[in-house]
């Protein structure tokens, strides 16, 4: 059975009304990234609450230790919670399954493999037939930079030129399958220094040639993360500190879903994953006149960690997400410039 093309639904839903403020959008199945603000940055104008539709290729790229794998794992877990199946490729063979479960991914019920070459990733996708074709199913690869080719492994391609060609060949054969079968494919990719860059070229680029960026409907660029430090006083009275996570600025670098260049700050705790509560509390405080953290009119003092604990204890997560969404919509509404329809 052919699945509905959700990417075309999004375009139909947006049309000349490319905003959530002019008419109520129809319901479109979506997958959350685990971050309310990142979901909204990706597609808040065409889907209620934002998020990722099925039928597209997504590339998450950036420097090491910026949270790409955690974000990939969070999205895969979201697919499972929506009833979809997951195929997870791990070319680097370093997925920590214990931590993956903490981030919401059940590794016991997913298809897991450690491919070494580009075709080993894409060929099985074209043959994959999940049981329930009404759900969004996910394909994840962490990361594309670790993939090689048979020629390179046989020392016949010392400069890796064949890899870019294989990415182009495989993506050309696979991109239509993602749409027709409504698969969501999310890949992470590291950036490399562009040693031959001219004065107007980017200093860094993701490896694998240009085809990955070309075929991606959505590209999320992660910037160098800022460390999250926590201080505690031990029994001797000494104050000690530890780095417990990072805050990564993620920009919608390319988008065929909605408008590009929206961005979000995504906090990631090492033993927890994406901390959506933390990000939402900070967003409300920074974009209102509040001097402390507030949810439903309730002031949450004694610091951000304490405020997060109160939100969890009182089960205020949904209320907090709705407040953030409402404020985000209000802000976006300020930047709508009414024009007469170009074509009637």
C-alpha atoms as a PDB file:
ATOM      1  CA  UNK A   1       0.000   0.000   0.000  1.00  0.00           C
ATOM      2  CA  UNK A   2       1.292   3.409  -0.925  1.00  0.00           C
ATOM      3  CA  UNK A   3       1.465   5.784   1.984  1.00  0.00           C
ATOM      4  CA  UNK A   4       0.323   9.367   1.860  1.00  0.00           C
ATOM      5  CA  UNK A   5       2.915  11.924   0.864  1.00  0.00           C
ATOM      6  CA  UNK A   6       3.019  14.068   3.961  1.00  0.00           C
ATOM      7  CA  UNK A   7       5.580  16.436   2.526  1.00  0.00           C
ATOM      8  CA  UNK A   8       3.083  17.435  -0.173  1.00  0.00           C
ATOM      9  CA  UNK A   9       0.390  17.804   2.499  1.00  0.00           C
ATOM     10  CA  UNK A  10       2.573  20.335   4.270  1.00  0.00           C
ATOM     11  CA  UNK A  11       2.983  22.359   1.105  1.00  0.00           C
ATOM     12  CA  UNK A  12      -0.764  22.249   0.461  1.00  0.00           C
ATOM     13  CA  UNK A  13      -1.422  23.230   4.054  1.00  0.00           C
ATOM     14  CA  UNK A  14       0.941  26.178   3.838  1.00  0.00           C
ATOM     15  CA  UNK A  15       0.340  27.424   0.285  1.00  0.00           C
ATOM     16  CA  UNK A  16      -0.046  31.165   0.228  1.00  0.00           C
ATOM     17  CA  UNK A  17      -1.075  30.964   3.911  1.00  0.00           C
ATOM     18  CA  UNK A  18       2.463  30.120   5.005  1.00  0.00           C
ATOM     19  CA  UNK A  19       1.773  30.782   8.686  1.00  0.00           C
ATOM     20  CA  UNK A  20      -0.221  29.432  11.600  1.00  0.00           C
ATOM     21  CA  UNK A  21      -1.789  32.828  12.166  1.00  0.00           C
ATOM     22  CA  UNK A  22      -4.116  33.096   9.163  1.00  0.00           C
ATOM     23  CA  UNK A  23      -6.057  29.877   9.334  1.00  0.00           C
ATOM     24  CA  UNK A  24      -6.175  26.821  11.549  1.00  0.00           C
ATOM     25  CA  UNK A  25      -3.910  24.130  10.048  1.00  0.00           C
ATOM     26  CA  UNK A  26      -5.116  20.603   9.494  1.00  0.00           C
ATOM     27  CA  UNK A  27      -3.625  17.823  11.603  1.00  0.00           C
ATOM     28  CA  UNK A  28      -0.399  16.409  10.195  1.00  0.00           C
ATOM     29  CA  UNK A  29       1.404  13.496  11.885  1.00  0.00           C
ATOM     30  CA  UNK A  30       4.751  14.692  13.175  1.00  0.00           C
ATOM     31  CA  UNK A  31       7.748  13.470  15.132  1.00  0.00           C
ATOM     32  CA  UNK A  32       9.187  15.571  17.940  1.00  0.00           C
ATOM     33  CA  UNK A  33      12.897  16.269  18.338  1.00  0.00           C
ATOM     34  CA  UNK A  34      12.451  16.300  22.115  1.00  0.00           C
ATOM     35  CA  UNK A  35      12.817  20.095  22.144  1.00  0.00           C
ATOM     36  CA  UNK A  36       9.693  22.262  21.989  1.00  0.00           C
ATOM     37  CA  UNK A  37      11.621  25.262  20.700  1.00  0.00           C
ATOM     38  CA  UNK A  38      13.465  23.267  18.033  1.00  0.00           C
ATOM     39  CA  UNK A  39      10.179  21.680  16.899  1.00  0.00           C
ATOM     40  CA  UNK A  40       8.691  25.153  16.494  1.00  0.00           C
ATOM     41  CA  UNK A  41      11.795  26.454  14.706  1.00  0.00           C
ATOM     42  CA  UNK A  42      11.543  23.603  12.199  1.00  0.00           C
ATOM     43  CA  UNK A  43       7.861  23.775  11.270  1.00  0.00           C
ATOM     44  CA  UNK A  44       5.872  25.782  13.811  1.00  0.00           C
ATOM     45  CA  UNK A  45       4.209  27.757  11.036  1.00  0.00           C
ATOM     46  CA  UNK A  46       2.667  24.786   9.223  1.00  0.00           C
ATOM     47  CA  UNK A  47       2.156  22.120  11.904  1.00  0.00           C
ATOM     48  CA  UNK A  48       0.631  22.574  15.364  1.00  0.00           C
ATOM     49  CA  UNK A  49       3.539  22.362  17.787  1.00  0.00           C
ATOM     50  CA  UNK A  50       6.032  21.917  14.961  1.00  0.00           C
ATOM     51  CA  UNK A  51       8.283  18.897  14.520  1.00  0.00           C
ATOM     52  CA  UNK A  52       9.347  16.574  11.725  1.00  0.00           C
ATOM     53  CA  UNK A  53       7.029  15.094   9.078  1.00  0.00           C
ATOM     54  CA  UNK A  54       7.574  11.756   7.408  1.00  0.00           C
ATOM     55  CA  UNK A  55       8.902  11.257   3.894  1.00  0.00           C
ATOM     56  CA  UNK A  56      12.014  13.438   4.169  1.00  0.00           C
ATOM     57  CA  UNK A  57      15.785  13.262   4.669  1.00  0.00           C
ATOM     58  CA  UNK A  58      17.240  15.285   7.556  1.00  0.00           C
ATOM     59  CA  UNK A  59      20.939  16.041   8.094  1.00  0.00           C
ATOM     60  CA  UNK A  60      22.155  17.140  11.529  1.00  0.00           C
ATOM     61  CA  UNK A  61      25.719  18.423  11.216  1.00  0.00           C
ATOM     62  CA  UNK A  62      28.192  20.172  13.444  1.00  0.00           C
ATOM     63  CA  UNK A  63      31.438  19.830  15.451  1.00  0.00           C
ATOM     64  CA  UNK A  64      32.157  16.958  17.842  1.00  0.00           C
ATOM     65  CA  UNK A  65      30.469  16.848  21.261  1.00  0.00           C
ATOM     66  CA  UNK A  66      27.619  19.187  20.336  1.00  0.00           C
ATOM     67  CA  UNK A  67      24.837  16.641  20.953  1.00  0.00           C
ATOM     68  CA  UNK A  68      24.178  15.221  17.483  1.00  0.00           C
ATOM     69  CA  UNK A  69      23.955  11.606  18.659  1.00  0.00           C
ATOM     70  CA  UNK A  70      21.707  12.490  21.603  1.00  0.00           C
ATOM     71  CA  UNK A  71      19.374  14.436  19.319  1.00  0.00           C
ATOM     72  CA  UNK A  72      19.322  11.538  16.853  1.00  0.00           C
ATOM     73  CA  UNK A  73      18.468   9.145  19.669  1.00  0.00           C
ATOM     74  CA  UNK A  74      15.710  11.400  21.024  1.00  0.00           C
ATOM     75  CA  UNK A  75      14.061  11.575  17.588  1.00  0.00           C
ATOM     76  CA  UNK A  76      14.307   7.794  17.169  1.00  0.00           C
ATOM     77  CA  UNK A  77      12.634   7.326  20.549  1.00  0.00           C
ATOM     78  CA  UNK A  78       9.874   9.718  19.489  1.00  0.00           C
ATOM     79  CA  UNK A  79       9.244   7.551  16.404  1.00  0.00           C
ATOM     80  CA  UNK A  80       8.838   4.494  18.633  1.00  0.00           C
ATOM     81  CA  UNK A  81       6.448   6.276  21.003  1.00  0.00           C
ATOM     82  CA  UNK A  82       4.297   7.205  17.986  1.00  0.00           C
ATOM     83  CA  UNK A  83       4.050   3.517  17.096  1.00  0.00           C
ATOM     84  CA  UNK A  84       6.659   3.503  14.326  1.00  0.00           C
ATOM     85  CA  UNK A  85       9.547   1.112  13.763  1.00  0.00           C
ATOM     86  CA  UNK A  86      13.198   2.157  13.842  1.00  0.00           C
ATOM     87  CA  UNK A  87      16.192   1.117  11.760  1.00  0.00           C
ATOM     88  CA  UNK A  88      19.393   2.421  13.373  1.00  0.00           C
ATOM     89  CA  UNK A  89      22.747   2.423  11.549  1.00  0.00           C
ATOM     90  CA  UNK A  90      25.855   2.911  13.668  1.00  0.00           C
ATOM     91  CA  UNK A  91      28.922   3.107  11.360  1.00  0.00           C
ATOM     92  CA  UNK A  92      31.117   4.250  14.244  1.00  0.00           C
ATOM     93  CA  UNK A  93      29.921   1.277  16.368  1.00  0.00           C
ATOM     94  CA  UNK A  94      29.797   3.395  19.500  1.00  0.00           C
ATOM     95  CA  UNK A  95      26.096   3.686  20.388  1.00  0.00           C
ATOM     96  CA  UNK A  96      25.785   3.330  24.165  1.00  0.00           C
ATOM     97  CA  UNK A  97      22.562   1.339  24.425  1.00  0.00           C
ATOM     98  CA  UNK A  98      22.230   1.969  28.170  1.00  0.00           C
ATOM     99  CA  UNK A  99      22.287   5.734  27.643  1.00  0.00           C
ATOM    100  CA  UNK A 100      20.075   5.403  24.557  1.00  0.00           C
ATOM    101  CA  UNK A 101      17.339   3.967  26.794  1.00  0.00           C
ATOM    102  CA  UNK A 102      17.729   6.941  29.140  1.00  0.00           C
ATOM    103  CA  UNK A 103      17.189   9.207  26.141  1.00  0.00           C
ATOM    104  CA  UNK A 104      13.931   7.422  25.287  1.00  0.00           C
ATOM    105  CA  UNK A 105      15.072   4.860  22.674  1.00  0.00           C
ATOM    106  CA  UNK A 106      14.235   1.185  23.236  1.00  0.00           C
ATOM    107  CA  UNK A 107      17.182  -0.567  21.594  1.00  0.00           C
ATOM    108  CA  UNK A 108      15.632  -4.016  22.130  1.00  0.00           C
ATOM    109  CA  UNK A 109      12.937  -3.519  19.488  1.00  0.00           C
ATOM    110  CA  UNK A 110      14.843  -1.722  16.738  1.00  0.00           C
ATOM    111  CA  UNK A 111      16.837  -2.976  13.753  1.00  0.00           C
ATOM    112  CA  UNK A 112      20.479  -2.239  14.572  1.00  0.00           C
ATOM    113  CA  UNK A 113      23.579  -2.653  12.386  1.00  0.00           C
ATOM    114  CA  UNK A 114      27.115  -1.291  12.000  1.00  0.00           C
ATOM    115  CA  UNK A 115      27.597  -0.788   8.231  1.00  0.00           C
ATOM    116  CA  UNK A 116      30.988   0.057   6.792  1.00  0.00           C
ATOM    117  CA  UNK A 117      30.076   1.293   3.317  1.00  0.00           C
ATOM    118  CA  UNK A 118      27.564   3.684   1.775  1.00  0.00           C
ATOM    119  CA  UNK A 119      25.480   1.007  -0.068  1.00  0.00           C
ATOM    120  CA  UNK A 120      25.129  -0.989   3.172  1.00  0.00           C
ATOM    121  CA  UNK A 121      23.094   1.920   4.553  1.00  0.00           C
ATOM    122  CA  UNK A 122      20.842   2.751   1.643  1.00  0.00           C
ATOM    123  CA  UNK A 123      20.144  -0.588  -0.076  1.00  0.00           C
ATOM    124  CA  UNK A 124      18.195  -2.105   2.893  1.00  0.00           C
ATOM    125  CA  UNK A 125      16.018   1.015   3.132  1.00  0.00           C
ATOM    126  CA  UNK A 126      14.587   0.393  -0.332  1.00  0.00           C
ATOM    127  CA  UNK A 127      13.638  -3.162   0.693  1.00  0.00           C
ATOM    128  CA  UNK A 128      12.317  -2.353   4.191  1.00  0.00           C
ATOM    129  CA  UNK A 129       8.627  -3.117   4.738  1.00  0.00           C
ATOM    130  CA  UNK A 130       7.483  -2.236   8.284  1.00  0.00           C
ATOM    131  CA  UNK A 131       4.297  -3.894   9.538  1.00  0.00           C
ATOM    132  CA  UNK A 132       2.026  -0.846   9.946  1.00  0.00           C
ATOM    133  CA  UNK A 133       2.121   1.419   6.905  1.00  0.00           C
ATOM    134  CA  UNK A 134      -0.036   4.075   8.574  1.00  0.00           C
ATOM    135  CA  UNK A 135       2.781   5.143  10.919  1.00  0.00           C
ATOM    136  CA  UNK A 136       5.903   7.225  10.369  1.00  0.00           C
ATOM    137  CA  UNK A 137       8.875   4.852  10.490  1.00  0.00           C
ATOM    138  CA  UNK A 138      12.411   6.090  11.089  1.00  0.00           C
ATOM    139  CA  UNK A 139      15.827   5.397   9.586  1.00  0.00           C
ATOM    140  CA  UNK A 140      18.792   6.793  11.494  1.00  0.00           C
ATOM    141  CA  UNK A 141      22.509   6.904  10.659  1.00  0.00           C
ATOM    142  CA  UNK A 142      25.177   8.086  13.112  1.00  0.00           C
ATOM    143  CA  UNK A 143      27.280   9.232  11.403  1.00  0.00           C
ATOM    144  CA  UNK A 144      27.696   9.527   7.640  1.00  0.00           C
ATOM    145  CA  UNK A 145      31.295  10.728   8.011  1.00  0.00           C
ATOM    146  CA  UNK A 146      32.337   7.228   9.139  1.00  0.00           C
ATOM    147  CA  UNK A 147      31.110   5.471   5.988  1.00  0.00           C
ATOM    148  CA  UNK A 148      33.569   4.246   3.394  1.00  0.00           C
ATOM    149  CA  UNK A 149      33.504   2.428   0.030  1.00  0.00           C
ATOM    150  CA  UNK A 150      34.713  -0.964  -1.120  1.00  0.00           C
ATOM    151  CA  UNK A 151      37.417   0.732  -3.228  1.00  0.00           C
ATOM    152  CA  UNK A 152      38.650   2.752  -0.259  1.00  0.00           C
ATOM    153  CA  UNK A 153      38.755  -0.327   1.974  1.00  0.00           C
ATOM    154  CA  UNK A 154      40.838  -2.100  -0.704  1.00  0.00           C
ATOM    155  CA  UNK A 155      43.255   0.870  -0.835  1.00  0.00           C
ATOM    156  CA  UNK A 156      42.221   1.678  -4.406  1.00  0.00           C
ATOM    157  CA  UNK A 157      40.762   5.109  -3.606  1.00  0.00           C
ATOM    158  CA  UNK A 158      43.240   6.921  -1.383  1.00  0.00           C
ATOM    159  CA  UNK A 159      41.507  10.301  -1.644  1.00  0.00           C
ATOM    160  CA  UNK A 160      37.979   9.013  -1.048  1.00  0.00           C
ATOM    161  CA  UNK A 161      36.612  10.402  -4.319  1.00  0.00           C
ATOM    162  CA  UNK A 162      34.407   7.365  -4.866  1.00  0.00           C
ATOM    163  CA  UNK A 163      32.495   7.984  -1.621  1.00  0.00           C
ATOM    164  CA  UNK A 164      30.894  11.189  -2.868  1.00  0.00           C
ATOM    165  CA  UNK A 165      29.781   9.397  -6.054  1.00  0.00           C
ATOM    166  CA  UNK A 166      28.255   6.540  -4.067  1.00  0.00           C
ATOM    167  CA  UNK A 167      26.355   8.949  -1.830  1.00  0.00           C
ATOM    168  CA  UNK A 168      24.958  10.612  -4.944  1.00  0.00           C
ATOM    169  CA  UNK A 169      24.020   7.292  -6.555  1.00  0.00           C
ATOM    170  CA  UNK A 170      22.376   5.845  -3.459  1.00  0.00           C
ATOM    171  CA  UNK A 171      20.489   9.008  -2.531  1.00  0.00           C
ATOM    172  CA  UNK A 172      19.189   9.345  -6.070  1.00  0.00           C
ATOM    173  CA  UNK A 173      17.731   5.833  -5.827  1.00  0.00           C
ATOM    174  CA  UNK A 174      16.459   6.211  -2.248  1.00  0.00           C
ATOM    175  CA  UNK A 175      14.955   9.722  -1.982  1.00  0.00           C
ATOM    176  CA  UNK A 176      11.685   8.779  -3.711  1.00  0.00           C
ATOM    177  CA  UNK A 177      11.352   5.678  -1.525  1.00  0.00           C
ATOM    178  CA  UNK A 178      11.443   7.855   1.601  1.00  0.00           C
ATOM    179  CA  UNK A 179       8.522   9.885   0.270  1.00  0.00           C
ATOM    180  CA  UNK A 180       6.366   7.055  -1.071  1.00  0.00           C
ATOM    181  CA  UNK A 181       6.844   4.922   2.054  1.00  0.00           C
ATOM    182  CA  UNK A 182       6.648   7.903   4.418  1.00  0.00           C
ATOM    183  CA  UNK A 183      10.005   7.112   6.060  1.00  0.00           C
ATOM    184  CA  UNK A 184      11.747   9.756   8.139  1.00  0.00           C
ATOM    185  CA  UNK A 185      15.502   9.435   7.597  1.00  0.00           C
ATOM    186  CA  UNK A 186      17.730  11.386   9.993  1.00  0.00           C
ATOM    187  CA  UNK A 187      21.526  11.362   9.636  1.00  0.00           C
ATOM    188  CA  UNK A 188      24.246  12.988  11.680  1.00  0.00           C
ATOM    189  CA  UNK A 189      27.387  14.296  10.058  1.00  0.00           C
ATOM    190  CA  UNK A 190      30.522  15.918  11.406  1.00  0.00           C
ATOM    191  CA  UNK A 191      32.096  18.979   9.841  1.00  0.00           C
ATOM    192  CA  UNK A 192      35.610  19.039   8.415  1.00  0.00           C
ATOM    193  CA  UNK A 193      37.918  21.973   7.739  1.00  0.00           C
ATOM    194  CA  UNK A 194      37.614  23.131   4.132  1.00  0.00           C
ATOM    195  CA  UNK A 195      41.338  23.481   3.467  1.00  0.00           C
ATOM    196  CA  UNK A 196      40.878  24.773  -0.089  1.00  0.00           C
ATOM    197  CA  UNK A 197      38.261  27.350   0.820  1.00  0.00           C
ATOM    198  CA  UNK A 198      38.498  30.710  -0.890  1.00  0.00           C
ATOM    199  CA  UNK A 199      37.731  34.046   0.788  1.00  0.00           C
ATOM    200  CA  UNK A 200      33.971  33.660   0.178  1.00  0.00           C
ATOM    201  CA  UNK A 201      33.642  29.933   0.809  1.00  0.00           C
ATOM    202  CA  UNK A 202      32.728  28.268   4.127  1.00  0.00           C
ATOM    203  CA  UNK A 203      35.688  27.338   6.317  1.00  0.00           C
ATOM    204  CA  UNK A 204      33.990  24.104   7.324  1.00  0.00           C
ATOM    205  CA  UNK A 205      31.834  21.654   5.401  1.00  0.00           C
ATOM    206  CA  UNK A 206      30.260  18.269   6.033  1.00  0.00           C
ATOM    207  CA  UNK A 207      31.974  15.323   4.294  1.00  0.00           C
ATOM    208  CA  UNK A 208      30.401  13.044   1.706  1.00  0.00           C
ATOM    209  CA  UNK A 209      30.113  15.455  -1.183  1.00  0.00           C
ATOM    210  CA  UNK A 210      27.305  17.847  -2.058  1.00  0.00           C
ATOM    211  CA  UNK A 211      24.557  15.269  -2.594  1.00  0.00           C
ATOM    212  CA  UNK A 212      23.651  14.931   1.104  1.00  0.00           C
ATOM    213  CA  UNK A 213      22.850  18.626   1.402  1.00  0.00           C
ATOM    214  CA  UNK A 214      21.129  18.597  -1.985  1.00  0.00           C
ATOM    215  CA  UNK A 215      18.737  15.743  -1.188  1.00  0.00           C
ATOM    216  CA  UNK A 216      18.082  16.808   2.413  1.00  0.00           C
ATOM    217  CA  UNK A 217      14.737  18.516   2.921  1.00  0.00           C
ATOM    218  CA  UNK A 218      15.988  19.783   6.261  1.00  0.00           C
ATOM    219  CA  UNK A 219      19.514  20.576   7.459  1.00  0.00           C
ATOM    220  CA  UNK A 220      20.139  21.431  11.113  1.00  0.00           C
ATOM    221  CA  UNK A 221      23.478  23.090  11.884  1.00  0.00           C
ATOM    222  CA  UNK A 222      24.796  22.710  15.435  1.00  0.00           C
ATOM    223  CA  UNK A 223      27.223  25.339  16.689  1.00  0.00           C
ATOM    224  CA  UNK A 224      30.008  24.921  19.256  1.00  0.00           C
ATOM    225  CA  UNK A 225      28.280  24.059  22.536  1.00  0.00           C
ATOM    226  CA  UNK A 226      28.430  26.048  25.752  1.00  0.00           C
ATOM    227  CA  UNK A 227      29.160  23.994  28.874  1.00  0.00           C
ATOM    228  CA  UNK A 228      26.550  23.643  31.617  1.00  0.00           C
ATOM    229  CA  UNK A 229      28.309  23.759  34.982  1.00  0.00           C
ATOM    230  CA  UNK A 230      26.863  22.711  38.334  1.00  0.00           C
ATOM    231  CA  UNK A 231      28.407  23.538  41.729  1.00  0.00           C
ATOM    232  CA  UNK A 232      27.913  21.597  44.961  1.00  0.00           C
ATOM    233  CA  UNK A 233      29.267  21.888  48.508  1.00  0.00           C
ATOM    234  CA  UNK A 234      30.682  18.650  49.892  1.00  0.00           C
ATOM    235  CA  UNK A 235      30.867  17.556  53.545  1.00  0.00           C
ATOM    236  CA  UNK A 236      34.166  19.333  54.178  1.00  0.00           C
ATOM    237  CA  UNK A 237      32.591  22.612  53.122  1.00  0.00           C
ATOM    238  CA  UNK A 238      34.563  22.754  49.898  1.00  0.00           C
ATOM    239  CA  UNK A 239      32.721  24.006  46.804  1.00  0.00           C
ATOM    240  CA  UNK A 240      33.301  21.743  43.796  1.00  0.00           C
ATOM    241  CA  UNK A 241      32.012  22.012  40.239  1.00  0.00           C
ATOM    242  CA  UNK A 242      31.352  19.629  37.371  1.00  0.00           C
ATOM    243  CA  UNK A 243      30.380  19.974  33.717  1.00  0.00           C
ATOM    244  CA  UNK A 244      27.026  18.176  33.524  1.00  0.00           C
ATOM    245  CA  UNK A 245      25.912  19.043  29.999  1.00  0.00           C
ATOM    246  CA  UNK A 246      26.020  21.445  27.082  1.00  0.00           C
ATOM    247  CA  UNK A 247      23.793  24.054  25.484  1.00  0.00           C
ATOM    248  CA  UNK A 248      23.878  23.886  21.693  1.00  0.00           C
ATOM    249  CA  UNK A 249      22.590  26.548  19.329  1.00  0.00           C
ATOM    250  CA  UNK A 250      20.832  24.752  16.454  1.00  0.00           C
ATOM    251  CA  UNK A 251      19.938  26.626  13.274  1.00  0.00           C
ATOM    252  CA  UNK A 252      17.581  25.509  10.513  1.00  0.00           C
ATOM    253  CA  UNK A 253      20.231  25.869   7.814  1.00  0.00           C
ATOM    254  CA  UNK A 254      18.022  24.589   4.972  1.00  0.00           C
ATOM    255  CA  UNK A 255      14.318  23.778   4.901  1.00  0.00           C
ATOM    256  CA  UNK A 256      11.741  22.597   2.373  1.00  0.00           C
ATOM    257  CA  UNK A 257       9.229  22.271   5.202  1.00  0.00           C
ATOM    258  CA  UNK A 258       8.838  25.872   6.333  1.00  0.00           C
ATOM    259  CA  UNK A 259      11.028  28.978   6.566  1.00  0.00           C
ATOM    260  CA  UNK A 260      14.773  28.474   7.076  1.00  0.00           C
ATOM    261  CA  UNK A 261      17.106  30.207   9.523  1.00  0.00           C
ATOM    262  CA  UNK A 262      14.938  29.905  12.614  1.00  0.00           C
ATOM    263  CA  UNK A 263      16.974  28.624  15.553  1.00  0.00           C
ATOM    264  CA  UNK A 264      16.731  27.267  19.086  1.00  0.00           C
ATOM    265  CA  UNK A 265      18.947  26.740  22.117  1.00  0.00           C
ATOM    266  CA  UNK A 266      18.865  23.054  23.081  1.00  0.00           C
ATOM    267  CA  UNK A 267      20.257  22.080  26.528  1.00  0.00           C
ATOM    268  CA  UNK A 268      21.528  18.497  26.732  1.00  0.00           C
ATOM    269  CA  UNK A 269      22.439  16.874  30.050  1.00  0.00           C
ATOM    270  CA  UNK A 270      24.887  13.981  29.792  1.00  0.00           C
ATOM    271  CA  UNK A 271      22.840  11.540  31.888  1.00  0.00           C
ATOM    272  CA  UNK A 272      19.386  12.787  30.857  1.00  0.00           C
ATOM    273  CA  UNK A 273      19.273  13.926  27.248  1.00  0.00           C
ATOM    274  CA  UNK A 274      17.473  16.970  25.850  1.00  0.00           C
ATOM    275  CA  UNK A 275      16.268  19.043  28.817  1.00  0.00           C
ATOM    276  CA  UNK A 276      13.120  20.589  27.375  1.00  0.00           C
ATOM    277  CA  UNK A 277      11.928  21.902  30.742  1.00  0.00           C
ATOM    278  CA  UNK A 278      15.153  23.859  31.251  1.00  0.00           C
ATOM    279  CA  UNK A 279      14.983  25.393  27.770  1.00  0.00           C
ATOM    280  CA  UNK A 280      11.320  26.342  28.111  1.00  0.00           C
ATOM    281  CA  UNK A 281      11.782  27.988  31.515  1.00  0.00           C
ATOM    282  CA  UNK A 282      14.702  30.013  30.176  1.00  0.00           C
ATOM    283  CA  UNK A 283      12.737  31.044  27.081  1.00  0.00           C
ATOM    284  CA  UNK A 284       9.797  32.351  29.131  1.00  0.00           C
ATOM    285  CA  UNK A 285      12.054  34.286  31.479  1.00  0.00           C
ATOM    286  CA  UNK A 286      14.129  35.828  28.686  1.00  0.00           C
ATOM    287  CA  UNK A 287      11.133  36.878  26.578  1.00  0.00           C
ATOM    288  CA  UNK A 288       8.952  38.337  29.332  1.00  0.00           C
ATOM    289  CA  UNK A 289       9.458  40.907  32.082  1.00  0.00           C
ATOM    290  CA  UNK A 290       9.633  38.160  34.706  1.00  0.00           C
ATOM    291  CA  UNK A 291      12.604  38.304  37.070  1.00  0.00           C
ATOM    292  CA  UNK A 292      12.289  34.639  37.974  1.00  0.00           C
ATOM    293  CA  UNK A 293      10.942  31.442  36.418  1.00  0.00           C
ATOM    294  CA  UNK A 294       7.138  31.314  36.143  1.00  0.00           C
ATOM    295  CA  UNK A 295       4.635  28.627  35.066  1.00  0.00           C
ATOM    296  CA  UNK A 296       0.865  29.242  35.180  1.00  0.00           C
ATOM    297  CA  UNK A 297       1.515  32.401  37.172  1.00  0.00           C
ATOM    298  CA  UNK A 298       3.433  30.416  39.789  1.00  0.00           C
ATOM    299  CA  UNK A 299       6.840  31.851  40.637  1.00  0.00           C
ATOM    300  CA  UNK A 300       9.598  29.251  40.808  1.00  0.00           C
ATOM    301  CA  UNK A 301      12.583  30.623  42.713  1.00  0.00           C
ATOM    302  CA  UNK A 302      15.816  29.127  44.120  1.00  0.00           C
ATOM    303  CA  UNK A 303      17.462  28.676  40.753  1.00  0.00           C
ATOM    304  CA  UNK A 304      16.871  26.866  37.492  1.00  0.00           C
ATOM    305  CA  UNK A 305      17.531  23.324  38.743  1.00  0.00           C
ATOM    306  CA  UNK A 306      15.004  23.778  41.545  1.00  0.00           C
ATOM    307  CA  UNK A 307      12.454  25.221  39.101  1.00  0.00           C
ATOM    308  CA  UNK A 308      12.877  22.176  36.831  1.00  0.00           C
ATOM    309  CA  UNK A 309      12.252  19.869  39.801  1.00  0.00           C
ATOM    310  CA  UNK A 310       9.028  21.715  40.703  1.00  0.00           C
ATOM    311  CA  UNK A 311       7.740  21.459  37.125  1.00  0.00           C
ATOM    312  CA  UNK A 312       8.372  17.703  37.166  1.00  0.00           C
ATOM    313  CA  UNK A 313       6.907  17.182  40.644  1.00  0.00           C
ATOM    314  CA  UNK A 314       3.737  19.182  39.901  1.00  0.00           C
ATOM    315  CA  UNK A 315       3.453  17.704  36.370  1.00  0.00           C
ATOM    316  CA  UNK A 316       3.464  21.114  34.708  1.00  0.00           C
ATOM    317  CA  UNK A 317       5.329  20.027  31.560  1.00  0.00           C
ATOM    318  CA  UNK A 318       2.317  20.328  29.233  1.00  0.00           C
ATOM    319  CA  UNK A 319       1.304  23.702  30.651  1.00  0.00           C
ATOM    320  CA  UNK A 320       4.877  24.925  30.262  1.00  0.00           C
ATOM    321  CA  UNK A 321       5.035  23.740  26.645  1.00  0.00           C
ATOM    322  CA  UNK A 322       1.747  25.472  25.852  1.00  0.00           C
ATOM    323  CA  UNK A 323       2.906  28.751  27.392  1.00  0.00           C
ATOM    324  CA  UNK A 324       6.107  28.588  25.345  1.00  0.00           C
ATOM    325  CA  UNK A 325       4.172  27.789  22.169  1.00  0.00           C
ATOM    326  CA  UNK A 326       1.741  30.671  22.731  1.00  0.00           C
ATOM    327  CA  UNK A 327       4.563  33.144  23.361  1.00  0.00           C
ATOM    328  CA  UNK A 328       6.507  31.862  20.343  1.00  0.00           C
ATOM    329  CA  UNK A 329       3.421  32.321  18.150  1.00  0.00           C
ATOM    330  CA  UNK A 330       2.949  35.851  19.479  1.00  0.00           C
ATOM    331  CA  UNK A 331       6.555  36.716  18.643  1.00  0.00           C
ATOM    332  CA  UNK A 332       6.314  35.236  15.130  1.00  0.00           C
ATOM    333  CA  UNK A 333       3.088  37.127  14.564  1.00  0.00           C
ATOM    334  CA  UNK A 334       4.948  40.411  15.014  1.00  0.00           C
ATOM    335  CA  UNK A 335       6.983  39.679  11.895  1.00  0.00           C
ATOM    336  CA  UNK A 336       4.089  39.018   9.523  1.00  0.00           C
ATOM    337  CA  UNK A 337       3.949  41.626   6.787  1.00  0.00           C
ATOM    338  CA  UNK A 338       0.533  41.588   5.143  1.00  0.00           C
ATOM    339  CA  UNK A 339       0.650  41.711   1.365  1.00  0.00           C
ATOM    340  CA  UNK A 340      -1.973  41.278  -1.290  1.00  0.00           C
ATOM    341  CA  UNK A 341      -1.881  37.869  -2.998  1.00  0.00           C
ATOM    342  CA  UNK A 342       0.643  37.892  -5.807  1.00  0.00           C
ATOM    343  CA  UNK A 343      -1.568  35.688  -8.004  1.00  0.00           C
ATOM    344  CA  UNK A 344      -5.365  35.584  -7.862  1.00  0.00           C
END
